[in-house]
Amino acid sequence: MAADEKVVGTATSYMTPTDYKQRALVERNVCDKMVPAAAASIVGTCPYYYRPLHGEYWETVEKVSVSSTWEAVKAWAKFWDPYRDHATFATLLHRREKLIEAESTDSDWSRHGNFMMRHVGCGHKPPGYYVSYGYYYCSTYGAKLFPKLSPSGQAWLVLAKKKLQVHMEDGLHQNMTGNTIKMTSEKGNRNVRMSPPQFGLELNDETFTSFAFETHPLAYLEGGLADLGFLDLWYILGEPNMQEWGDGRTWGQAKESSFGMASIGLNKVEESANKFRSETSELVDRALNRLMER
């Protein structure tokens, strides 16, 4: 056990003599910072991030109005302690060995659940991104957006979702081998470079969220964003919750994706792309005004 890890929790000893009235207590904890690879079959799906096994997740989503759901989920995910749901925690713990193995295909596996089972009793919480930006946007945003898009737009959504998780897996893998994460986009001349402590990417919520946001433009462009028509682009950039435009990282995604599109050279849709970027800026302005009124 590393020097910086604290030992908490108890377990009963099964070697206690039978004439003892009370079994001895044995201190134990698990703090495994090594992130195993996800199975290829789950990459590109929403449960990759989180499986909503905890009743508290559904209570949070269902008890608020649609316009308030995102803010409620984001705030809840930041302070939520999933270990307090003892029934769900016990269910996961019973399957711990399957949930922590590399490329696990267990029906309850997710990045969130995998983290929980690697950090039992050591005080670490899963990144809030897995539940909020990850699962919530993948399932809710994707479900609302998909029917609006053309067949090309729908193909983009499926591929971009997979690319987001491919880059997440790549970043986690790089963090296991050193303290530098470097990625270069296949399209659009975009890149990512960060220096989180080795084995520490998942352990800092803000750092992990920033890392994930940095990879979004890469995934959007590699999914074929620049090849879509104006209407699809309008739906894609206009769908995030109104409140989300208050996060500077969302502005960054829009700007990076737009710049990436320009760098590719869209001959047949250049005029539409320029109009799109202008109208996207107006959309952001309206969103900010709306936020300032609250």
Protein backbone atom coordinates (compact mmCIF):
# COMPACT_ATOMS: atom_id res chain seq x y z
CA MET A 1 0.00 0.00 0.00
CA ALA A 2 1.34 3.43 -0.95
CA ALA A 3 2.29 5.89 1.79
CA ASP A 4 -0.36 8.42 0.79
CA GLU A 5 -3.25 5.94 0.99
CA LYS A 6 -5.31 5.84 4.15
CA VAL A 7 -6.70 2.66 5.61
CA VAL A 8 -10.38 2.79 6.45
CA GLY A 9 -13.23 0.32 6.80
CA THR A 10 -13.49 -2.93 8.71
CA ALA A 11 -14.08 -6.61 8.06
CA THR A 12 -14.73 -9.53 10.39
CA SER A 13 -12.05 -12.17 10.91
CA TYR A 14 -13.04 -15.74 10.19
CA MET A 15 -10.03 -17.20 12.06
CA THR A 16 -11.34 -16.20 15.50
CA PRO A 17 -11.54 -19.12 17.99
CA THR A 18 -15.08 -20.44 18.38
CA ASP A 19 -15.23 -19.69 22.11
CA TYR A 20 -14.86 -15.93 21.45
CA LYS A 21 -18.11 -14.01 21.70
CA GLN A 22 -17.08 -11.26 19.28
CA ARG A 23 -14.98 -11.62 16.17
CA ALA A 24 -11.89 -9.45 15.80
CA LEU A 25 -11.98 -6.53 13.37
CA VAL A 26 -9.52 -6.32 10.50
CA GLU A 27 -8.79 -2.99 8.81
CA ARG A 28 -8.87 -3.09 5.04
CA ASN A 29 -9.20 -0.87 2.00
CA VAL A 30 -8.79 -1.03 -1.75
CA CYS A 31 -7.23 1.81 -3.72
CA ASP A 32 -6.28 0.61 -7.19
CA LYS A 33 -5.35 3.57 -9.40
CA MET A 34 -4.56 1.41 -12.42
CA VAL A 35 -7.36 1.93 -14.97
CA PRO A 36 -8.03 -1.23 -17.02
CA ALA A 37 -9.07 -1.01 -20.66
CA ALA A 38 -12.77 -1.11 -21.52
CA ALA A 39 -14.17 -3.87 -23.71
CA ALA A 40 -14.45 -2.88 -27.37
CA SER A 41 -18.11 -3.92 -27.35
CA ILE A 42 -19.12 -1.20 -24.87
CA VAL A 43 -17.11 1.67 -26.39
CA GLY A 44 -19.56 3.90 -28.22
CA THR A 45 -22.52 3.20 -25.92
CA CYS A 46 -24.00 5.38 -23.17
CA PRO A 47 -23.58 2.76 -20.37
CA TYR A 48 -19.85 3.02 -21.03
CA TYR A 49 -19.93 6.06 -18.73
CA TYR A 50 -22.49 4.98 -16.16
CA ARG A 51 -25.29 2.52 -15.61
CA PRO A 52 -28.11 4.23 -13.68
CA LEU A 53 -28.36 1.59 -10.99
CA HIS A 54 -28.67 4.11 -8.16
CA GLY A 55 -32.21 5.22 -7.39
CA GLU A 56 -30.89 8.67 -6.50
CA TYR A 57 -29.98 9.29 -10.14
CA TRP A 58 -33.56 8.79 -11.33
CA GLU A 59 -34.95 10.77 -8.41
CA THR A 60 -32.74 13.70 -9.43
CA VAL A 61 -33.68 13.54 -13.11
CA GLU A 62 -37.41 13.00 -12.61
CA LYS A 63 -38.18 15.38 -9.77
CA VAL A 64 -37.27 18.57 -11.64
CA SER A 65 -38.68 20.30 -14.71
CA VAL A 66 -37.12 19.70 -18.11
CA SER A 67 -35.60 23.19 -18.18
CA SER A 68 -33.92 22.60 -14.81
CA THR A 69 -32.81 18.99 -15.26
CA TRP A 70 -29.29 19.68 -16.52
CA GLU A 71 -28.37 22.08 -13.73
CA ALA A 72 -29.81 19.66 -11.17
CA VAL A 73 -27.88 16.69 -12.56
CA LYS A 74 -24.61 18.63 -12.81
CA ALA A 75 -24.85 19.97 -9.24
CA TRP A 76 -25.93 16.60 -7.88
CA ALA A 77 -23.10 14.71 -9.62
CA LYS A 78 -20.51 17.06 -8.14
CA PHE A 79 -21.41 16.24 -4.53
CA TRP A 80 -23.05 12.82 -4.82
CA ASP A 81 -21.45 9.96 -2.91
CA PRO A 82 -22.48 6.74 -4.72
CA TYR A 83 -21.09 4.60 -1.91
CA ARG A 84 -23.92 5.74 0.37
CA ASP A 85 -26.42 3.70 -1.65
CA HIS A 86 -25.63 0.56 0.32
CA ALA A 87 -27.89 -1.77 -1.68
CA THR A 88 -26.37 -0.81 -5.05
CA PHE A 89 -22.87 -0.74 -3.60
CA ALA A 90 -23.35 -4.26 -2.21
CA THR A 91 -24.58 -5.48 -5.60
CA LEU A 92 -21.51 -4.08 -7.34
CA LEU A 93 -19.18 -5.33 -4.62
CA HIS A 94 -20.53 -8.86 -5.03
CA ARG A 95 -19.31 -8.73 -8.65
CA ARG A 96 -16.16 -6.76 -7.98
CA GLU A 97 -13.70 -9.18 -9.58
CA LYS A 98 -15.58 -9.07 -12.89
CA LEU A 99 -16.03 -5.30 -12.78
CA ILE A 100 -12.32 -4.52 -12.35
CA GLU A 101 -10.84 -6.88 -14.90
CA ALA A 102 -9.54 -5.54 -18.20
CA GLU A 103 -12.03 -5.56 -21.09
CA SER A 104 -14.81 -6.76 -18.80
CA THR A 105 -18.13 -7.60 -20.47
CA ASP A 106 -20.07 -7.84 -17.21
CA SER A 107 -23.62 -6.52 -17.60
CA ASP A 108 -23.11 -3.98 -14.79
CA TRP A 109 -19.74 -2.65 -15.99
CA SER A 110 -19.27 1.06 -16.60
CA ARG A 111 -16.38 3.45 -16.11
CA HIS A 112 -18.24 4.77 -13.04
CA GLY A 113 -18.78 1.31 -11.55
CA ASN A 114 -15.25 0.22 -12.39
CA PHE A 115 -13.88 3.22 -10.51
CA MET A 116 -16.08 2.47 -7.49
CA MET A 117 -14.81 -1.10 -7.29
CA ARG A 118 -11.17 -0.02 -7.59
CA HIS A 119 -11.53 2.56 -4.81
CA VAL A 120 -13.39 0.89 -1.96
CA GLY A 121 -13.00 2.72 1.34
CA CYS A 122 -10.12 4.97 0.26
CA GLY A 123 -12.07 8.22 0.03
CA HIS A 124 -11.96 8.66 -3.76
CA LYS A 125 -15.13 9.42 -5.72
CA PRO A 126 -15.70 8.70 -9.41
CA PRO A 127 -15.38 11.76 -11.68
CA GLY A 128 -18.73 13.55 -11.86
CA TYR A 129 -18.28 13.67 -15.64
CA TYR A 130 -19.23 10.01 -15.97
CA VAL A 131 -22.74 10.63 -14.64
CA SER A 132 -23.43 14.15 -15.88
CA TYR A 133 -21.68 15.23 -19.07
CA GLY A 134 -21.06 11.60 -20.02
CA TYR A 135 -24.17 9.54 -19.36
CA TYR A 136 -26.75 12.33 -19.16
CA TYR A 137 -25.72 14.00 -22.39
CA CYS A 138 -25.07 10.74 -24.20
CA SER A 139 -28.54 9.39 -23.38
CA THR A 140 -30.71 12.53 -23.16
CA TYR A 141 -29.00 14.81 -25.70
CA GLY A 142 -28.47 11.93 -28.10
CA ALA A 143 -32.07 10.72 -27.87
CA LYS A 144 -33.50 14.18 -28.50
CA LEU A 145 -31.10 15.06 -31.29
CA PHE A 146 -31.04 11.82 -33.30
CA PRO A 147 -34.59 12.02 -34.77
CA LYS A 148 -34.00 15.59 -36.00
CA LEU A 149 -30.94 14.77 -38.07
CA SER A 150 -30.60 13.64 -41.66
CA PRO A 151 -29.19 10.13 -42.27
CA SER A 152 -25.74 11.73 -42.60
CA GLY A 153 -26.25 13.59 -39.35
CA GLN A 154 -27.37 10.43 -37.59
CA ALA A 155 -24.27 8.62 -38.82
CA TRP A 156 -22.17 11.50 -37.49
CA LEU A 157 -23.83 11.25 -34.06
CA VAL A 158 -23.11 7.53 -33.78
CA LEU A 159 -19.48 7.89 -34.84
CA ALA A 160 -18.80 11.03 -32.78
CA LYS A 161 -20.16 9.29 -29.67
CA LYS A 162 -17.75 6.42 -30.24
CA LYS A 163 -14.83 8.76 -30.94
CA LEU A 164 -15.46 10.58 -27.63
CA GLN A 165 -15.00 7.32 -25.76
CA VAL A 166 -12.08 6.15 -27.89
CA HIS A 167 -10.24 9.35 -26.95
CA MET A 168 -11.20 8.92 -23.30
CA GLU A 169 -9.75 5.41 -23.33
CA ASP A 170 -6.60 6.71 -25.00
CA GLY A 171 -6.17 9.46 -22.41
CA LEU A 172 -6.68 7.08 -19.50
CA HIS A 173 -4.17 4.65 -21.02
CA GLN A 174 -1.59 7.40 -21.53
CA ASN A 175 -2.07 8.51 -17.92
CA MET A 176 -1.17 4.99 -16.76
CA THR A 177 2.18 5.18 -18.57
CA GLY A 178 3.28 8.73 -17.74
CA ASN A 179 2.28 12.28 -16.83
CA THR A 180 1.66 13.61 -20.35
CA ILE A 181 -1.40 13.15 -22.54
CA LYS A 182 -0.99 14.00 -26.24
CA MET A 183 -3.51 13.55 -29.03
CA THR A 184 -3.71 14.84 -32.59
CA SER A 185 -6.92 14.87 -34.59
CA GLU A 186 -7.23 12.91 -37.80
CA LYS A 187 -9.04 15.94 -39.22
CA GLY A 188 -8.99 19.65 -38.63
CA ASN A 189 -5.42 19.99 -37.30
CA ARG A 190 -6.59 20.04 -33.67
CA ASN A 191 -4.57 18.58 -30.80
CA VAL A 192 -4.71 17.95 -27.07
CA ARG A 193 -1.82 18.21 -24.62
CA MET A 194 -2.18 17.94 -20.83
CA SER A 195 0.11 16.99 -17.95
CA PRO A 196 -1.88 15.42 -15.12
CA PRO A 197 0.05 13.38 -12.53
CA GLN A 198 0.56 9.76 -13.56
CA PHE A 199 -2.37 7.64 -12.29
CA GLY A 200 -4.10 10.85 -11.20
CA LEU A 201 -6.36 11.81 -14.13
CA GLU A 202 -9.48 10.17 -12.67
CA LEU A 203 -8.78 11.40 -9.14
CA ASN A 204 -9.29 15.13 -9.80
CA ASP A 205 -12.80 15.97 -10.92
CA GLU A 206 -11.99 19.31 -12.55
CA THR A 207 -8.91 17.96 -14.32
CA PHE A 208 -10.85 15.02 -15.68
CA THR A 209 -13.70 17.22 -16.93
CA SER A 210 -11.22 19.58 -18.62
CA PHE A 211 -9.50 16.61 -20.26
CA ALA A 212 -12.81 15.28 -21.59
CA PHE A 213 -13.81 18.69 -22.96
CA GLU A 214 -10.45 19.07 -24.67
CA THR A 215 -11.09 15.89 -26.64
CA HIS A 216 -14.61 16.83 -27.79
CA PRO A 217 -13.61 18.91 -30.88
CA LEU A 218 -11.37 16.04 -32.03
CA ALA A 219 -14.25 13.58 -31.81
CA TYR A 220 -16.74 15.90 -33.52
CA LEU A 221 -14.42 16.58 -36.45
CA GLU A 222 -13.30 12.97 -36.81
CA GLY A 223 -16.95 11.94 -36.82
CA GLY A 224 -17.47 14.07 -39.93
CA LEU A 225 -18.92 17.31 -38.57
CA ALA A 226 -17.40 19.34 -41.39
CA ASP A 227 -19.19 17.25 -44.03
CA LEU A 228 -22.70 17.93 -42.73
CA GLY A 229 -25.20 20.36 -44.17
CA PHE A 230 -26.29 23.59 -42.49
CA LEU A 231 -29.51 22.23 -40.97
CA ASP A 232 -27.75 19.31 -39.29
CA LEU A 233 -25.06 21.67 -37.98
CA TRP A 234 -27.70 24.00 -36.60
CA TYR A 235 -29.42 21.17 -34.74
CA ILE A 236 -26.13 19.79 -33.37
CA LEU A 237 -24.77 23.06 -32.00
CA GLY A 238 -28.17 24.32 -30.89
CA GLU A 239 -29.20 21.27 -28.85
CA PRO A 240 -27.16 21.61 -25.60
CA ASN A 241 -29.22 22.86 -22.68
CA MET A 242 -29.54 26.65 -22.50
CA GLN A 243 -27.79 26.68 -19.13
CA GLU A 244 -24.79 24.82 -20.54
CA TRP A 245 -23.71 27.77 -22.67
CA GLY A 246 -22.69 29.42 -19.40
CA ASP A 247 -19.76 26.97 -19.16
CA GLY A 248 -16.73 28.42 -20.92
CA ARG A 249 -15.68 24.95 -22.00
CA THR A 250 -18.82 24.65 -24.11
CA TRP A 251 -17.90 27.92 -25.83
CA GLY A 252 -14.49 26.38 -26.42
CA GLN A 253 -15.95 23.31 -28.08
CA ALA A 254 -18.05 25.41 -30.45
CA LYS A 255 -15.11 27.64 -31.34
CA GLU A 256 -12.63 24.78 -31.75
CA SER A 257 -15.04 22.80 -33.92
CA SER A 258 -15.80 25.84 -36.08
CA PHE A 259 -12.11 26.61 -36.56
CA GLY A 260 -11.47 22.97 -37.34
CA MET A 261 -14.18 23.03 -39.98
CA ALA A 262 -12.62 26.11 -41.57
CA SER A 263 -9.18 24.47 -41.68
CA ILE A 264 -10.45 21.50 -43.66
CA GLY A 265 -11.67 23.59 -46.59
CA LEU A 266 -15.37 23.06 -47.21
CA ASN A 267 -15.82 24.12 -50.80
CA LYS A 268 -19.42 23.12 -51.34
CA VAL A 269 -20.72 24.36 -47.99
CA GLU A 270 -18.39 27.28 -47.33
CA GLU A 271 -21.14 29.87 -47.51
CA SER A 272 -23.44 27.82 -45.27
CA ALA A 273 -20.63 27.17 -42.80
CA ASN A 274 -19.90 30.88 -42.52
CA LYS A 275 -23.57 31.62 -41.97
CA PHE A 276 -23.71 28.81 -39.43
CA ARG A 277 -20.81 30.22 -37.41
CA SER A 278 -22.43 33.65 -37.42
CA GLU A 279 -25.78 32.31 -36.27
CA THR A 280 -24.09 30.11 -33.66
CA SER A 281 -22.51 33.25 -32.18
CA GLU A 282 -25.97 34.83 -32.03
CA LEU A 283 -27.27 31.71 -30.31
CA VAL A 284 -24.53 31.97 -27.68
CA ASP A 285 -25.31 35.67 -27.15
CA ARG A 286 -28.99 34.92 -26.61
CA ALA A 287 -28.11 32.12 -24.21
CA LEU A 288 -25.87 34.43 -22.18
CA ASN A 289 -28.56 37.11 -22.03
CA ARG A 290 -30.99 34.50 -20.80
CA LEU A 291 -28.54 33.41 -18.11
CA MET A 292 -27.89 37.00 -16.99
CA GLU A 293 -31.61 37.51 -16.45
CA ARG A 294 -31.68 34.78 -13.76
